Amino acid sequence: MRARRYKKTFSIVHVLIDNFDLIKEKFQQKTIKDFTLKILDRLNMTIRETDFIAERSESEYYIMLPETDYFGSLMTMRKSIST
């Protein structure tokens, strides 16, 4: 509502770890937790202070990018992959 009122853009990025059930079967819980933390650390290094990550489940996250259009969200994800 705030974005609409002030005519600002924002993006929401959906991050999903594919085959998470298979990963859980093959690896120990500590290894999975370390892996997930590395992914989140990489994402945190990429996003700005005003952006935030929300966890929906062990394998699913959302990133809120205020004042970011579609192209900006693509660039953010590209930076997080290439870092």
PDB file of N, CA and C in Angstrom:
ATOM      1  N   MET A   1       0.821  -1.185   0.000  1.00  0.00           N
ATOM      2  CA  MET A   1       0.000   0.000   0.000  1.00  0.00           C
ATOM      3  C   MET A   1       0.868   1.253   0.000  1.00  0.00           C
ATOM      4  N   ARG A   2       1.973   1.186   0.747  1.00  0.00           N
ATOM      5  CA  ARG A   2       2.870   2.339   0.802  1.00  0.00           C
ATOM      6  C   ARG A   2       3.495   2.599  -0.572  1.00  0.00           C
ATOM      7  N   ALA A   3       3.912   1.520  -1.242  1.00  0.00           N
ATOM      8  CA  ALA A   3       4.510   1.672  -2.572  1.00  0.00           C
ATOM      9  C   ALA A   3       3.515   2.289  -3.542  1.00  0.00           C
ATOM     10  N   ARG A   4       2.276   1.871  -3.466  1.00  0.00           N
ATOM     11  CA  ARG A   4       1.245   2.434  -4.339  1.00  0.00           C
ATOM     12  C   ARG A   4       1.002   3.907  -4.003  1.00  0.00           C
ATOM     13  N   ARG A   5       0.915   4.198  -2.704  1.00  0.00           N
ATOM     14  CA  ARG A   5       0.627   5.577  -2.293  1.00  0.00           C
ATOM     15  C   ARG A   5       1.715   6.538  -2.749  1.00  0.00           C
ATOM     16  N   TYR A   6       2.980   6.133  -2.609  1.00  0.00           N
ATOM     17  CA  TYR A   6       4.094   7.012  -2.969  1.00  0.00           C
ATOM     18  C   TYR A   6       4.632   6.753  -4.374  1.00  0.00           C
ATOM     19  N   LYS A   7       3.931   5.898  -5.111  1.00  0.00           N
ATOM     20  CA  LYS A   7       4.322   5.562  -6.484  1.00  0.00           C
ATOM     21  C   LYS A   7       5.766   5.065  -6.563  1.00  0.00           C
ATOM     22  N   LYS A   8       6.079   4.132  -5.682  1.00  0.00           N
ATOM     23  CA  LYS A   8       7.409   3.518  -5.620  1.00  0.00           C
ATOM     24  C   LYS A   8       7.314   2.078  -6.109  1.00  0.00           C
ATOM     25  N   THR A   9       8.416   1.586  -6.638  1.00  0.00           N
ATOM     26  CA  THR A   9       8.452   0.191  -7.079  1.00  0.00           C
ATOM     27  C   THR A   9       9.064  -0.669  -5.979  1.00  0.00           C
ATOM     28  N   PHE A  10       8.774  -1.946  -6.052  1.00  0.00           N
ATOM     29  CA  PHE A  10       9.420  -2.921  -5.180  1.00  0.00           C
ATOM     30  C   PHE A  10       9.364  -4.263  -5.877  1.00  0.00           C
ATOM     31  N   SER A  11      10.213  -5.153  -5.445  1.00  0.00           N
ATOM     32  CA  SER A  11      10.224  -6.506  -5.999  1.00  0.00           C
ATOM     33  C   SER A  11      10.257  -7.497  -4.855  1.00  0.00           C
ATOM     34  N   ILE A  12       9.673  -8.637  -5.103  1.00  0.00           N
ATOM     35  CA  ILE A  12       9.753  -9.758  -4.175  1.00  0.00           C
ATOM     36  C   ILE A  12      10.333 -10.929  -4.955  1.00  0.00           C
ATOM     37  N   VAL A  13      11.428 -11.480  -4.445  1.00  0.00           N
ATOM     38  CA  VAL A  13      12.105 -12.595  -5.107  1.00  0.00           C
ATOM     39  C   VAL A  13      11.818 -13.860  -4.315  1.00  0.00           C
ATOM     40  N   HIS A  14      11.402 -14.886  -5.005  1.00  0.00           N
ATOM     41  CA  HIS A  14      11.131 -16.181  -4.391  1.00  0.00           C
ATOM     42  C   HIS A  14      12.357 -17.070  -4.597  1.00  0.00           C
ATOM     43  N   VAL A  15      12.947 -17.526  -3.505  1.00  0.00           N
ATOM     44  CA  VAL A  15      14.125 -18.393  -3.566  1.00  0.00           C
ATOM     45  C   VAL A  15      13.701 -19.772  -3.081  1.00  0.00           C
ATOM     46  N   LEU A  16      13.869 -20.771  -3.920  1.00  0.00           N
ATOM     47  CA  LEU A  16      13.465 -22.130  -3.598  1.00  0.00           C
ATOM     48  C   LEU A  16      14.649 -23.063  -3.843  1.00  0.00           C
ATOM     49  N   ILE A  17      14.991 -23.854  -2.844  1.00  0.00           N
ATOM     50  CA  ILE A  17      16.059 -24.847  -2.990  1.00  0.00           C
ATOM     51  C   ILE A  17      15.412 -26.106  -3.551  1.00  0.00           C
ATOM     52  N   ASP A  18      15.718 -26.396  -4.800  1.00  0.00           N
ATOM     53  CA  ASP A  18      15.136 -27.568  -5.468  1.00  0.00           C
ATOM     54  C   ASP A  18      15.630 -28.858  -4.831  1.00  0.00           C
ATOM     55  N   ASN A  19      14.796 -29.871  -4.890  1.00  0.00           N
ATOM     56  CA  ASN A  19      15.130 -31.217  -4.422  1.00  0.00           C
ATOM     57  C   ASN A  19      15.577 -31.246  -2.961  1.00  0.00           C
ATOM     58  N   PHE A  20      15.001 -30.396  -2.136  1.00  0.00           N
ATOM     59  CA  PHE A  20      15.424 -30.325  -0.739  1.00  0.00           C
ATOM     60  C   PHE A  20      15.136 -31.636  -0.003  1.00  0.00           C
ATOM     61  N   ASP A  21      14.058 -32.320  -0.340  1.00  0.00           N
ATOM     62  CA  ASP A  21      13.755 -33.609   0.296  1.00  0.00           C
ATOM     63  C   ASP A  21      14.839 -34.634  -0.011  1.00  0.00           C
ATOM     64  N   LEU A  22      15.326 -34.630  -1.233  1.00  0.00           N
ATOM     65  CA  LEU A  22      16.410 -35.534  -1.613  1.00  0.00           C
ATOM     66  C   LEU A  22      17.694 -35.180  -0.862  1.00  0.00           C
ATOM     67  N   ILE A  23      17.959 -33.900  -0.720  1.00  0.00           N
ATOM     68  CA  ILE A  23      19.141 -33.447   0.029  1.00  0.00           C
ATOM     69  C   ILE A  23      19.040 -33.908   1.479  1.00  0.00           C
ATOM     70  N   LYS A  24      17.843 -33.811   2.070  1.00  0.00           N
ATOM     71  CA  LYS A  24      17.643 -34.226   3.458  1.00  0.00           C
ATOM     72  C   LYS A  24      17.876 -35.727   3.637  1.00  0.00           C
ATOM     73  N   GLU A  25      17.549 -36.510   2.617  1.00  0.00           N
ATOM     74  CA  GLU A  25      17.757 -37.958   2.692  1.00  0.00           C
ATOM     75  C   GLU A  25      19.223 -38.329   2.627  1.00  0.00           C
ATOM     76  N   LYS A  26      20.007 -37.573   1.867  1.00  0.00           N
ATOM     77  CA  LYS A  26      21.391 -37.956   1.596  1.00  0.00           C
ATOM     78  C   LYS A  26      22.417 -37.367   2.557  1.00  0.00           C
ATOM     79  N   PHE A  27      22.063 -36.259   3.244  1.00  0.00           N
ATOM     80  CA  PHE A  27      23.045 -35.586   4.082  1.00  0.00           C
ATOM     81  C   PHE A  27      22.552 -35.447   5.514  1.00  0.00           C
ATOM     82  N   GLN A  28      23.507 -35.260   6.422  1.00  0.00           N
ATOM     83  CA  GLN A  28      23.181 -35.064   7.830  1.00  0.00           C
ATOM     84  C   GLN A  28      22.598 -33.676   8.050  1.00  0.00           C
ATOM     85  N   GLN A  29      21.863 -33.520   9.130  1.00  0.00           N
ATOM     86  CA  GLN A  29      21.199 -32.259   9.438  1.00  0.00           C
ATOM     87  C   GLN A  29      22.198 -31.110   9.544  1.00  0.00           C
ATOM     88  N   LYS A  30      23.348 -31.334  10.158  1.00  0.00           N
ATOM     89  CA  LYS A  30      24.348 -30.277  10.307  1.00  0.00           C
ATOM     90  C   LYS A  30      24.871 -29.824   8.944  1.00  0.00           C
ATOM     91  N   THR A  31      25.109 -30.752   8.050  1.00  0.00           N
ATOM     92  CA  THR A  31      25.578 -30.420   6.700  1.00  0.00           C
ATOM     93  C   THR A  31      24.531 -29.585   5.958  1.00  0.00           C
ATOM     94  N   ILE A  32      23.271 -29.964   6.102  1.00  0.00           N
ATOM     95  CA  ILE A  32      22.184 -29.230   5.447  1.00  0.00           C
ATOM     96  C   ILE A  32      22.082 -27.823   6.021  1.00  0.00           C
ATOM     97  N   LYS A  33      22.201 -27.706   7.342  1.00  0.00           N
ATOM     98  CA  LYS A  33      22.126 -26.388   7.977  1.00  0.00           C
ATOM     99  C   LYS A  33      23.279 -25.499   7.522  1.00  0.00           C
ATOM    100  N   ASP A  34      24.493 -26.059   7.459  1.00  0.00           N
ATOM    101  CA  ASP A  34      25.650 -25.292   6.979  1.00  0.00           C
ATOM    102  C   ASP A  34      25.451 -24.839   5.535  1.00  0.00           C
ATOM    103  N   PHE A  35      24.931 -25.725   4.714  1.00  0.00           N
ATOM    104  CA  PHE A  35      24.669 -25.419   3.311  1.00  0.00           C
ATOM    105  C   PHE A  35      23.658 -24.271   3.188  1.00  0.00           C
ATOM    106  N   THR A  36      22.569 -24.365   3.947  1.00  0.00           N
ATOM    107  CA  THR A  36      21.540 -23.336   3.916  1.00  0.00           C
ATOM    108  C   THR A  36      22.102 -22.002   4.405  1.00  0.00           C
ATOM    109  N   LEU A  37      22.899 -22.027   5.454  1.00  0.00           N
ATOM    110  CA  LEU A  37      23.499 -20.794   5.976  1.00  0.00           C
ATOM    111  C   LEU A  37      24.442 -20.155   4.962  1.00  0.00           C
ATOM    112  N   LYS A  38      25.165 -20.959   4.199  1.00  0.00           N
ATOM    113  CA  LYS A  38      26.039 -20.417   3.158  1.00  0.00           C
ATOM    114  C   LYS A  38      25.229 -19.717   2.071  1.00  0.00           C
ATOM    115  N   ILE A  39      24.110 -20.313   1.703  1.00  0.00           N
ATOM    116  CA  ILE A  39      23.243 -19.680   0.701  1.00  0.00           C
ATOM    117  C   ILE A  39      22.720 -18.348   1.233  1.00  0.00           C
ATOM    118  N   LEU A  40      22.250 -18.348   2.473  1.00  0.00           N
ATOM    119  CA  LEU A  40      21.716 -17.118   3.063  1.00  0.00           C
ATOM    120  C   LEU A  40      22.801 -16.060   3.247  1.00  0.00           C
ATOM    121  N   ASP A  41      24.015 -16.474   3.613  1.00  0.00           N
ATOM    122  CA  ASP A  41      25.127 -15.525   3.727  1.00  0.00           C
ATOM    123  C   ASP A  41      25.427 -14.874   2.380  1.00  0.00           C
ATOM    124  N   ARG A  42      25.424 -15.679   1.342  1.00  0.00           N
ATOM    125  CA  ARG A  42      25.678 -15.145  -0.001  1.00  0.00           C
ATOM    126  C   ARG A  42      24.597 -14.140  -0.404  1.00  0.00           C
ATOM    127  N   LEU A  43      23.361 -14.475  -0.114  1.00  0.00           N
ATOM    128  CA  LEU A  43      22.267 -13.550  -0.416  1.00  0.00           C
ATOM    129  C   LEU A  43      22.394 -12.274   0.410  1.00  0.00           C
ATOM    130  N   ASN A  44      22.736 -12.409   1.688  1.00  0.00           N
ATOM    131  CA  ASN A  44      22.898 -11.233   2.554  1.00  0.00           C
ATOM    132  C   ASN A  44      24.025 -10.326   2.092  1.00  0.00           C
ATOM    133  N   MET A  45      25.074 -10.894   1.529  1.00  0.00           N
ATOM    134  CA  MET A  45      26.186 -10.086   1.017  1.00  0.00           C
ATOM    135  C   MET A  45      25.755  -9.298  -0.220  1.00  0.00           C
ATOM    136  N   THR A  46      24.771  -9.794  -0.937  1.00  0.00           N
ATOM    137  CA  THR A  46      24.332  -9.188  -2.180  1.00  0.00           C
ATOM    138  C   THR A  46      23.303  -8.087  -1.973  1.00  0.00           C
ATOM    139  N   ILE A  47      22.402  -8.286  -1.026  1.00  0.00           N
ATOM    140  CA  ILE A  47      21.308  -7.332  -0.868  1.00  0.00           C
ATOM    141  C   ILE A  47      21.740  -6.106  -0.074  1.00  0.00           C
ATOM    142  N   ARG A  48      20.920  -5.049  -0.161  1.00  0.00           N
ATOM    143  CA  ARG A  48      21.209  -3.795   0.534  1.00  0.00           C
ATOM    144  C   ARG A  48      20.680  -3.844   1.966  1.00  0.00           C
ATOM    145  N   GLU A  49      21.019  -2.832   2.751  1.00  0.00           N
ATOM    146  CA  GLU A  49      20.559  -2.772   4.133  1.00  0.00           C
ATOM    147  C   GLU A  49      19.043  -2.650   4.225  1.00  0.00           C
ATOM    148  N   THR A  50      18.415  -2.057   3.233  1.00  0.00           N
ATOM    149  CA  THR A  50      16.962  -1.863   3.252  1.00  0.00           C
ATOM    150  C   THR A  50      16.199  -3.096   2.784  1.00  0.00           C
ATOM    151  N   ASP A  51      16.876  -4.058   2.195  1.00  0.00           N
ATOM    152  CA  ASP A  51      16.246  -5.294   1.739  1.00  0.00           C
ATOM    153  C   ASP A  51      16.210  -6.285   2.903  1.00  0.00           C
ATOM    154  N   PHE A  52      15.312  -7.246   2.822  1.00  0.00           N
ATOM    155  CA  PHE A  52      15.313  -8.269   3.872  1.00  0.00           C
ATOM    156  C   PHE A  52      14.854  -9.607   3.326  1.00  0.00           C
ATOM    157  N   ILE A  53      15.268 -10.652   4.042  1.00  0.00           N
ATOM    158  CA  ILE A  53      14.955 -12.027   3.666  1.00  0.00           C
ATOM    159  C   ILE A  53      13.991 -12.597   4.703  1.00  0.00           C
ATOM    160  N   ALA A  54      12.964 -13.279   4.228  1.00  0.00           N
ATOM    161  CA  ALA A  54      12.003 -13.941   5.107  1.00  0.00           C
ATOM    162  C   ALA A  54      11.994 -15.427   4.787  1.00  0.00           C
ATOM    163  N   GLU A  55      12.008 -16.240   5.821  1.00  0.00           N
ATOM    164  CA  GLU A  55      11.989 -17.691   5.645  1.00  0.00           C
ATOM    165  C   GLU A  55      10.556 -18.197   5.710  1.00  0.00           C
ATOM    166  N   ARG A  56      10.174 -18.946   4.700  1.00  0.00           N
ATOM    167  CA  ARG A  56       8.845 -19.575   4.701  1.00  0.00           C
ATOM    168  C   ARG A  56       8.942 -21.007   5.183  1.00  0.00           C
ATOM    169  N   SER A  57      10.018 -21.685   4.790  1.00  0.00           N
ATOM    170  CA  SER A  57      10.276 -23.059   5.225  1.00  0.00           C
ATOM    171  C   SER A  57      11.781 -23.293   5.097  1.00  0.00           C
ATOM    172  N   GLU A  58      12.212 -24.512   5.393  1.00  0.00           N
ATOM    173  CA  GLU A  58      13.643 -24.828   5.301  1.00  0.00           C
ATOM    174  C   GLU A  58      14.203 -24.587   3.906  1.00  0.00           C
ATOM    175  N   SER A  59      13.367 -24.771   2.910  1.00  0.00           N
ATOM    176  CA  SER A  59      13.841 -24.702   1.534  1.00  0.00           C
ATOM    177  C   SER A  59      13.265 -23.532   0.746  1.00  0.00           C
ATOM    178  N   GLU A  60      12.539 -22.649   1.410  1.00  0.00           N
ATOM    179  CA  GLU A  60      11.846 -21.587   0.686  1.00  0.00           C
ATOM    180  C   GLU A  60      11.996 -20.247   1.414  1.00  0.00           C
ATOM    181  N   TYR A  61      12.428 -19.242   0.662  1.00  0.00           N
ATOM    182  CA  TYR A  61      12.673 -17.911   1.209  1.00  0.00           C
ATOM    183  C   TYR A  61      12.114 -16.861   0.256  1.00  0.00           C
ATOM    184  N   TYR A  62      11.829 -15.693   0.805  1.00  0.00           N
ATOM    185  CA  TYR A  62      11.407 -14.544   0.010  1.00  0.00           C
ATOM    186  C   TYR A  62      12.324 -13.377   0.344  1.00  0.00           C
ATOM    187  N   ILE A  63      12.659 -12.597  -0.667  1.00  0.00           N
ATOM    188  CA  ILE A  63      13.479 -11.405  -0.466  1.00  0.00           C
ATOM    189  C   ILE A  63      12.664 -10.202  -0.908  1.00  0.00           C
ATOM    190  N   MET A  64      12.524  -9.246  -0.012  1.00  0.00           N
ATOM    191  CA  MET A  64      11.810  -8.000  -0.311  1.00  0.00           C
ATOM    192  C   MET A  64      12.832  -6.954  -0.703  1.00  0.00           C
ATOM    193  N   LEU A  65      12.667  -6.386  -1.895  1.00  0.00           N
ATOM    194  CA  LEU A  65      13.587  -5.381  -2.423  1.00  0.00           C
ATOM    195  C   LEU A  65      12.822  -4.075  -2.657  1.00  0.00           C
ATOM    196  N   PRO A  66      12.786  -3.200  -1.650  1.00  0.00           N
ATOM    197  CA  PRO A  66      12.080  -1.929  -1.838  1.00  0.00           C
ATOM    198  C   PRO A  66      12.773  -1.058  -2.888  1.00  0.00           C
ATOM    199  N   GLU A  67      11.971  -0.283  -3.597  1.00  0.00           N
ATOM    200  CA  GLU A  67      12.459   0.634  -4.631  1.00  0.00           C
ATOM    201  C   GLU A  67      13.347  -0.073  -5.659  1.00  0.00           C
ATOM    202  N   THR A  68      12.915  -1.269  -6.028  1.00  0.00           N
ATOM    203  CA  THR A  68      13.637  -2.061  -7.025  1.00  0.00           C
ATOM    204  C   THR A  68      12.639  -2.564  -8.052  1.00  0.00           C
ATOM    205  N   ASP A  69      12.929  -2.280  -9.321  1.00  0.00           N
ATOM    206  CA  ASP A  69      12.040  -2.768 -10.373  1.00  0.00           C
ATOM    207  C   ASP A  69      12.444  -4.186 -10.779  1.00  0.00           C
ATOM    208  N   TYR A  70      11.749  -4.718 -11.763  1.00  0.00           N
ATOM    209  CA  TYR A  70      11.995  -6.084 -12.214  1.00  0.00           C
ATOM    210  C   TYR A  70      13.450  -6.285 -12.645  1.00  0.00           C
ATOM    211  N   PHE A  71      13.968  -5.363 -13.442  1.00  0.00           N
ATOM    212  CA  PHE A  71      15.343  -5.476 -13.914  1.00  0.00           C
ATOM    213  C   PHE A  71      16.318  -5.451 -12.733  1.00  0.00           C
ATOM    214  N   GLY A  72      16.075  -4.595 -11.757  1.00  0.00           N
ATOM    215  CA  GLY A  72      16.927  -4.529 -10.575  1.00  0.00           C
ATOM    216  C   GLY A  72      16.920  -5.825  -9.784  1.00  0.00           C
ATOM    217  N   SER A  73      15.757  -6.468  -9.702  1.00  0.00           N
ATOM    218  CA  SER A  73      15.694  -7.747  -8.985  1.00  0.00           C
ATOM    219  C   SER A  73      16.474  -8.830  -9.731  1.00  0.00           C
ATOM    220  N   LEU A  74      16.415  -8.795 -11.059  1.00  0.00           N
ATOM    221  CA  LEU A  74      17.210  -9.754 -11.840  1.00  0.00           C
ATOM    222  C   LEU A  74      18.704  -9.540 -11.619  1.00  0.00           C
ATOM    223  N   MET A  75      19.125  -8.291 -11.557  1.00  0.00           N
ATOM    224  CA  MET A  75      20.535  -7.986 -11.327  1.00  0.00           C
ATOM    225  C   MET A  75      20.977  -8.414  -9.923  1.00  0.00           C
ATOM    226  N   THR A  76      20.100  -8.249  -8.951  1.00  0.00           N
ATOM    227  CA  THR A  76      20.417  -8.678  -7.594  1.00  0.00           C
ATOM    228  C   THR A  76      20.629 -10.178  -7.553  1.00  0.00           C
ATOM    229  N   MET A  77      19.745 -10.932  -8.185  1.00  0.00           N
ATOM    230  CA  MET A  77      19.882 -12.390  -8.194  1.00  0.00           C
ATOM    231  C   MET A  77      21.113 -12.823  -8.977  1.00  0.00           C
ATOM    232  N   ARG A  78      21.398 -12.117 -10.057  1.00  0.00           N
ATOM    233  CA  ARG A  78      22.590 -12.451 -10.852  1.00  0.00           C
ATOM    234  C   ARG A  78      23.856 -12.225 -10.032  1.00  0.00           C
ATOM    235  N   LYS A  79      23.902 -11.128  -9.279  1.00  0.00           N
ATOM    236  CA  LYS A  79      25.067 -10.857  -8.424  1.00  0.00           C
ATOM    237  C   LYS A  79      25.219 -11.922  -7.355  1.00  0.00           C
ATOM    238  N   SER A  80      24.109 -12.386  -6.783  1.00  0.00           N
ATOM    239  CA  SER A  80      24.200 -13.372  -5.713  1.00  0.00           C
ATOM    240  C   SER A  80      24.685 -14.725  -6.243  1.00  0.00           C
ATOM    241  N   ILE A  81      24.364 -15.037  -7.476  1.00  0.00           N
ATOM    242  CA  ILE A  81      24.819 -16.290  -8.080  1.00  0.00           C
ATOM    243  C   ILE A  81      26.289 -16.219  -8.460  1.00  0.00           C
ATOM    244  N   SER A  82      26.726 -15.076  -8.958  1.00  0.00           N
ATOM    245  CA  SER A  82      28.097 -14.964  -9.456  1.00  0.00           C
ATOM    246  C   SER A  82      29.111 -14.638  -8.346  1.00  0.00           C
ATOM    247  N   THR A  83      28.645 -14.292  -7.150  1.00  0.00           N
ATOM    248  CA  THR A  83      29.563 -13.945  -6.063  1.00  0.00           C
ATOM    249  C   THR A  83      30.264 -15.160  -5.538  1.00  0.00           C
TER     250      THR A  83
END
